[in-house]
N, C-alpha and C. Protein backbone atom coordinates (compact mmCIF):
# COMPACT_ATOMS: atom_id res chain seq x y z
N MET A 1 0.81 -1.20 0.00
CA MET A 1 0.00 0.00 0.00
C MET A 1 0.86 1.26 0.00
N PHE A 2 1.90 1.26 0.84
CA PHE A 2 2.78 2.42 0.92
C PHE A 2 4.13 2.06 0.31
N ASP A 3 4.75 3.05 -0.31
CA ASP A 3 6.08 2.85 -0.87
C ASP A 3 7.15 2.87 0.21
N ASN A 4 6.86 3.48 1.32
CA ASN A 4 7.85 3.73 2.33
C ASN A 4 7.30 3.32 3.69
N ASP A 5 8.04 2.54 4.43
CA ASP A 5 7.58 2.13 5.75
C ASP A 5 8.29 2.86 6.88
N LYS A 6 8.94 3.96 6.57
CA LYS A 6 9.67 4.74 7.57
C LYS A 6 8.73 5.70 8.29
N LEU A 7 8.92 5.81 9.59
CA LEU A 7 8.19 6.80 10.37
C LEU A 7 9.12 7.99 10.59
N LEU A 8 8.65 9.16 10.19
CA LEU A 8 9.50 10.35 10.28
C LEU A 8 9.13 11.21 11.48
N PHE A 9 10.14 11.64 12.20
CA PHE A 9 9.98 12.60 13.28
C PHE A 9 9.91 14.00 12.70
N SER A 10 10.73 14.22 11.69
CA SER A 10 10.74 15.46 10.91
C SER A 10 11.17 15.07 9.50
N ALA A 11 11.18 16.02 8.61
CA ALA A 11 11.48 15.72 7.21
C ALA A 11 12.82 15.00 7.02
N ASN A 12 13.78 15.33 7.85
CA ASN A 12 15.12 14.78 7.68
C ASN A 12 15.51 13.72 8.70
N ASN A 13 14.59 13.35 9.60
CA ASN A 13 14.95 12.45 10.69
C ASN A 13 13.89 11.39 10.93
N GLU A 14 14.32 10.14 10.87
CA GLU A 14 13.42 9.04 11.19
C GLU A 14 13.28 8.93 12.71
N ILE A 15 12.14 8.41 13.15
CA ILE A 15 11.88 8.28 14.58
C ILE A 15 12.95 7.45 15.27
N ASP A 16 13.33 6.32 14.67
CA ASP A 16 14.34 5.46 15.30
C ASP A 16 15.68 6.19 15.48
N HIS A 17 16.03 7.03 14.52
CA HIS A 17 17.26 7.82 14.61
C HIS A 17 17.19 8.78 15.80
N VAL A 18 16.06 9.45 15.94
CA VAL A 18 15.89 10.41 17.04
C VAL A 18 15.89 9.68 18.38
N LYS A 19 15.23 8.53 18.45
CA LYS A 19 15.24 7.74 19.68
C LYS A 19 16.67 7.36 20.06
N GLY A 20 17.48 7.04 19.07
CA GLY A 20 18.88 6.70 19.33
C GLY A 20 19.65 7.88 19.89
N ILE A 21 19.40 9.06 19.35
CA ILE A 21 20.07 10.28 19.83
C ILE A 21 19.68 10.54 21.28
N VAL A 22 18.40 10.39 21.60
CA VAL A 22 17.93 10.62 22.96
C VAL A 22 18.52 9.57 23.91
N LYS A 23 18.63 8.34 23.46
CA LYS A 23 19.21 7.27 24.29
C LYS A 23 20.67 7.59 24.62
N VAL A 24 21.42 8.05 23.62
CA VAL A 24 22.82 8.43 23.84
C VAL A 24 22.88 9.60 24.82
N TYR A 25 22.00 10.58 24.63
CA TYR A 25 21.94 11.73 25.55
C TYR A 25 21.69 11.26 26.98
N ASP A 26 20.72 10.38 27.16
CA ASP A 26 20.42 9.85 28.50
C ASP A 26 21.63 9.16 29.12
N SER A 27 22.40 8.43 28.31
CA SER A 27 23.59 7.75 28.84
C SER A 27 24.65 8.76 29.26
N TYR A 28 24.80 9.84 28.49
CA TYR A 28 25.76 10.89 28.86
C TYR A 28 25.33 11.56 30.16
N VAL A 29 24.05 11.79 30.34
CA VAL A 29 23.55 12.39 31.57
C VAL A 29 23.84 11.45 32.75
N ALA A 30 23.54 10.17 32.58
CA ALA A 30 23.75 9.19 33.64
C ALA A 30 25.23 9.08 34.03
N GLN A 31 26.10 9.23 33.03
CA GLN A 31 27.55 9.10 33.28
C GLN A 31 28.19 10.45 33.62
N ASN A 32 27.37 11.50 33.68
CA ASN A 32 27.84 12.85 34.01
C ASN A 32 28.92 13.34 33.05
N GLU A 33 28.75 13.04 31.77
CA GLU A 33 29.68 13.51 30.73
C GLU A 33 29.15 14.83 30.17
N VAL A 34 29.47 15.91 30.87
CA VAL A 34 28.86 17.21 30.59
C VAL A 34 29.11 17.72 29.18
N GLY A 35 30.34 17.63 28.69
CA GLY A 35 30.64 18.13 27.35
C GLY A 35 29.87 17.39 26.27
N LYS A 36 29.87 16.06 26.36
CA LYS A 36 29.15 15.24 25.39
C LYS A 36 27.65 15.43 25.53
N GLU A 37 27.19 15.58 26.78
CA GLU A 37 25.77 15.80 27.05
C GLU A 37 25.29 17.08 26.35
N LYS A 38 26.08 18.13 26.47
CA LYS A 38 25.69 19.42 25.85
C LYS A 38 25.64 19.31 24.33
N GLN A 39 26.60 18.61 23.75
CA GLN A 39 26.62 18.42 22.30
C GLN A 39 25.36 17.67 21.85
N GLN A 40 25.04 16.61 22.56
CA GLN A 40 23.88 15.80 22.21
C GLN A 40 22.60 16.61 22.39
N PHE A 41 22.54 17.41 23.46
CA PHE A 41 21.37 18.25 23.70
C PHE A 41 21.18 19.24 22.56
N GLN A 42 22.26 19.82 22.07
CA GLN A 42 22.17 20.76 20.94
C GLN A 42 21.63 20.08 19.70
N GLN A 43 22.01 18.83 19.49
CA GLN A 43 21.50 18.08 18.34
C GLN A 43 20.00 17.83 18.50
N ILE A 44 19.57 17.46 19.71
CA ILE A 44 18.15 17.24 19.98
C ILE A 44 17.38 18.55 19.78
N ALA A 45 17.91 19.65 20.27
CA ALA A 45 17.24 20.95 20.13
C ALA A 45 17.10 21.33 18.66
N LYS A 46 18.11 21.06 17.86
CA LYS A 46 18.06 21.36 16.42
C LYS A 46 16.96 20.54 15.73
N ILE A 47 16.86 19.27 16.09
CA ILE A 47 15.83 18.40 15.49
C ILE A 47 14.44 18.86 15.93
N MET A 48 14.29 19.22 17.21
CA MET A 48 12.98 19.70 17.70
C MET A 48 12.59 21.01 17.01
N LYS A 49 13.55 21.88 16.82
CA LYS A 49 13.27 23.15 16.13
C LYS A 49 12.82 22.88 14.69
N GLU A 50 13.50 21.95 14.03
CA GLU A 50 13.13 21.58 12.66
C GLU A 50 11.69 21.05 12.62
N ARG A 51 11.37 20.16 13.55
CA ARG A 51 10.02 19.57 13.60
C ARG A 51 8.96 20.64 13.87
N THR A 52 9.22 21.50 14.84
CA THR A 52 8.28 22.55 15.20
C THR A 52 8.08 23.53 14.04
N GLU A 53 9.16 23.87 13.39
CA GLU A 53 9.08 24.80 12.26
C GLU A 53 8.25 24.21 11.13
N GLU A 54 8.52 22.96 10.75
CA GLU A 54 7.85 22.39 9.59
C GLU A 54 6.40 21.99 9.87
N ARG A 55 6.08 21.65 11.11
CA ARG A 55 4.73 21.17 11.41
C ARG A 55 3.79 22.25 11.95
N TYR A 56 4.34 23.34 12.49
CA TYR A 56 3.48 24.35 13.11
C TYR A 56 3.72 25.75 12.54
N ILE A 57 4.95 26.22 12.58
CA ILE A 57 5.25 27.59 12.17
C ILE A 57 5.04 27.79 10.67
N LYS A 58 5.59 26.90 9.87
CA LYS A 58 5.45 27.02 8.41
C LYS A 58 3.98 27.01 7.97
N PRO A 59 3.15 26.09 8.48
CA PRO A 59 1.73 26.11 8.09
C PRO A 59 1.02 27.42 8.47
N ILE A 60 1.34 27.97 9.64
CA ILE A 60 0.74 29.25 10.03
C ILE A 60 1.14 30.33 9.04
N LYS A 61 2.43 30.39 8.72
CA LYS A 61 2.91 31.42 7.79
C LYS A 61 2.25 31.26 6.42
N MET A 62 2.17 30.01 5.94
CA MET A 62 1.55 29.77 4.63
C MET A 62 0.07 30.16 4.65
N PHE A 63 -0.61 29.79 5.71
CA PHE A 63 -2.03 30.09 5.83
C PHE A 63 -2.25 31.60 5.85
N LEU A 64 -1.49 32.31 6.66
CA LEU A 64 -1.64 33.77 6.74
C LEU A 64 -1.28 34.44 5.41
N HIS A 65 -0.29 33.90 4.72
CA HIS A 65 0.09 34.45 3.42
C HIS A 65 -1.05 34.29 2.41
N ASN A 66 -1.76 33.17 2.48
CA ASN A 66 -2.84 32.90 1.54
C ASN A 66 -4.16 33.56 1.93
N CYS A 67 -4.22 34.14 3.10
CA CYS A 67 -5.46 34.78 3.57
C CYS A 67 -5.30 36.29 3.69
N LYS A 68 -4.51 36.88 2.82
CA LYS A 68 -4.26 38.32 2.90
C LYS A 68 -5.52 39.15 2.68
N GLU A 69 -6.45 38.65 1.87
CA GLU A 69 -7.67 39.41 1.58
C GLU A 69 -8.59 39.53 2.79
N HIS A 70 -8.65 38.47 3.60
CA HIS A 70 -9.52 38.45 4.77
C HIS A 70 -8.78 37.90 5.98
N PRO A 71 -7.79 38.64 6.48
CA PRO A 71 -7.00 38.12 7.61
C PRO A 71 -7.82 37.91 8.89
N GLU A 72 -8.92 38.64 9.00
CA GLU A 72 -9.76 38.50 10.20
C GLU A 72 -10.40 37.11 10.29
N GLN A 73 -10.43 36.37 9.19
CA GLN A 73 -11.03 35.04 9.19
C GLN A 73 -10.03 33.94 9.55
N SER A 74 -8.81 34.31 9.83
CA SER A 74 -7.78 33.31 10.10
C SER A 74 -7.53 33.09 11.59
N GLY A 75 -8.16 33.86 12.44
CA GLY A 75 -7.88 33.80 13.87
C GLY A 75 -8.10 32.44 14.50
N LEU A 76 -9.19 31.77 14.17
CA LEU A 76 -9.50 30.49 14.78
C LEU A 76 -8.43 29.44 14.47
N ILE A 77 -8.02 29.36 13.23
CA ILE A 77 -7.02 28.37 12.84
C ILE A 77 -5.67 28.69 13.48
N VAL A 78 -5.28 29.94 13.48
CA VAL A 78 -4.01 30.33 14.08
C VAL A 78 -4.03 30.05 15.58
N MET A 79 -5.13 30.36 16.26
CA MET A 79 -5.24 30.09 17.69
C MET A 79 -5.21 28.59 17.96
N GLY A 80 -5.83 27.80 17.11
CA GLY A 80 -5.80 26.34 17.28
C GLY A 80 -4.38 25.80 17.22
N ILE A 81 -3.62 26.26 16.25
CA ILE A 81 -2.22 25.82 16.13
C ILE A 81 -1.41 26.33 17.32
N ASN A 82 -1.69 27.57 17.76
CA ASN A 82 -0.99 28.10 18.94
C ASN A 82 -1.27 27.26 20.17
N CYS A 83 -2.50 26.80 20.33
CA CYS A 83 -2.85 25.93 21.47
C CYS A 83 -2.08 24.62 21.42
N ILE A 84 -1.95 24.08 20.23
CA ILE A 84 -1.18 22.84 20.06
C ILE A 84 0.29 23.08 20.42
N LEU A 85 0.82 24.24 20.02
CA LEU A 85 2.20 24.58 20.37
C LEU A 85 2.38 24.71 21.87
N ILE A 86 1.42 25.32 22.56
CA ILE A 86 1.49 25.46 24.01
C ILE A 86 1.48 24.08 24.66
N GLU A 87 0.63 23.19 24.17
CA GLU A 87 0.58 21.83 24.71
C GLU A 87 1.90 21.11 24.46
N LEU A 88 2.46 21.26 23.27
CA LEU A 88 3.75 20.64 22.94
C LEU A 88 4.83 21.15 23.89
N TYR A 89 4.86 22.45 24.12
CA TYR A 89 5.85 23.05 25.01
C TYR A 89 5.70 22.48 26.43
N PHE A 90 4.48 22.40 26.92
CA PHE A 90 4.20 21.85 28.24
C PHE A 90 4.71 20.41 28.34
N GLU A 91 4.42 19.61 27.32
CA GLU A 91 4.84 18.21 27.31
C GLU A 91 6.37 18.10 27.31
N MET A 92 7.03 18.96 26.55
CA MET A 92 8.49 18.92 26.49
C MET A 92 9.10 19.32 27.83
N ILE A 93 8.57 20.36 28.44
CA ILE A 93 9.09 20.83 29.72
C ILE A 93 8.94 19.75 30.80
N HIS A 94 7.83 19.03 30.78
CA HIS A 94 7.55 18.03 31.80
C HIS A 94 7.96 16.62 31.38
N GLY A 95 8.55 16.47 30.20
CA GLY A 95 9.05 15.17 29.75
C GLY A 95 7.96 14.15 29.46
N LEU A 96 6.81 14.62 28.99
CA LEU A 96 5.70 13.71 28.70
C LEU A 96 5.74 13.27 27.24
N ASP A 97 5.40 12.02 26.98
CA ASP A 97 5.33 11.51 25.62
C ASP A 97 3.95 11.71 25.01
N LYS A 98 2.92 11.79 25.87
CA LYS A 98 1.55 11.94 25.41
C LYS A 98 0.83 13.00 26.24
N SER A 99 -0.23 13.55 25.69
CA SER A 99 -0.98 14.59 26.38
C SER A 99 -1.60 14.13 27.68
N ASP A 100 -1.94 12.85 27.78
CA ASP A 100 -2.59 12.36 28.99
C ASP A 100 -1.68 11.48 29.84
N GLU A 101 -0.40 11.54 29.60
CA GLU A 101 0.54 10.65 30.29
C GLU A 101 0.65 10.94 31.79
N GLY A 102 0.55 12.19 32.19
CA GLY A 102 0.70 12.55 33.59
C GLY A 102 -0.53 12.23 34.42
N GLY A 103 -1.52 11.56 33.85
CA GLY A 103 -2.75 11.25 34.56
C GLY A 103 -3.82 12.30 34.39
N HIS A 104 -3.45 13.40 33.77
CA HIS A 104 -4.37 14.50 33.52
C HIS A 104 -4.29 14.87 32.05
N LYS A 105 -5.37 15.34 31.54
CA LYS A 105 -5.35 15.86 30.17
C LYS A 105 -4.67 17.21 30.18
N VAL A 106 -3.79 17.44 29.22
CA VAL A 106 -3.10 18.72 29.11
C VAL A 106 -4.05 19.72 28.48
């Protein structure tokens, strides 16, 4: 059915690759290897920025660009995406994998 069986975290990164990076980061933290930990964290931050940009920021920009004639009609969609970004930020800060992982809905 599908030509490709890869699950992508972002356009340039497969999920398994990102999981590997996080696993290495966790091992550096556990071993208190501060220099390597910081390098790995920067790589994770770059991948997260890429994902956030392509899945949230870019669509908002494209939508607003295409709605120049009636920008007042774009508020609901932009606010919806903003709410998703707030939820994503909350999950990242608290280390949650899912919106309901902490026992409460975010």
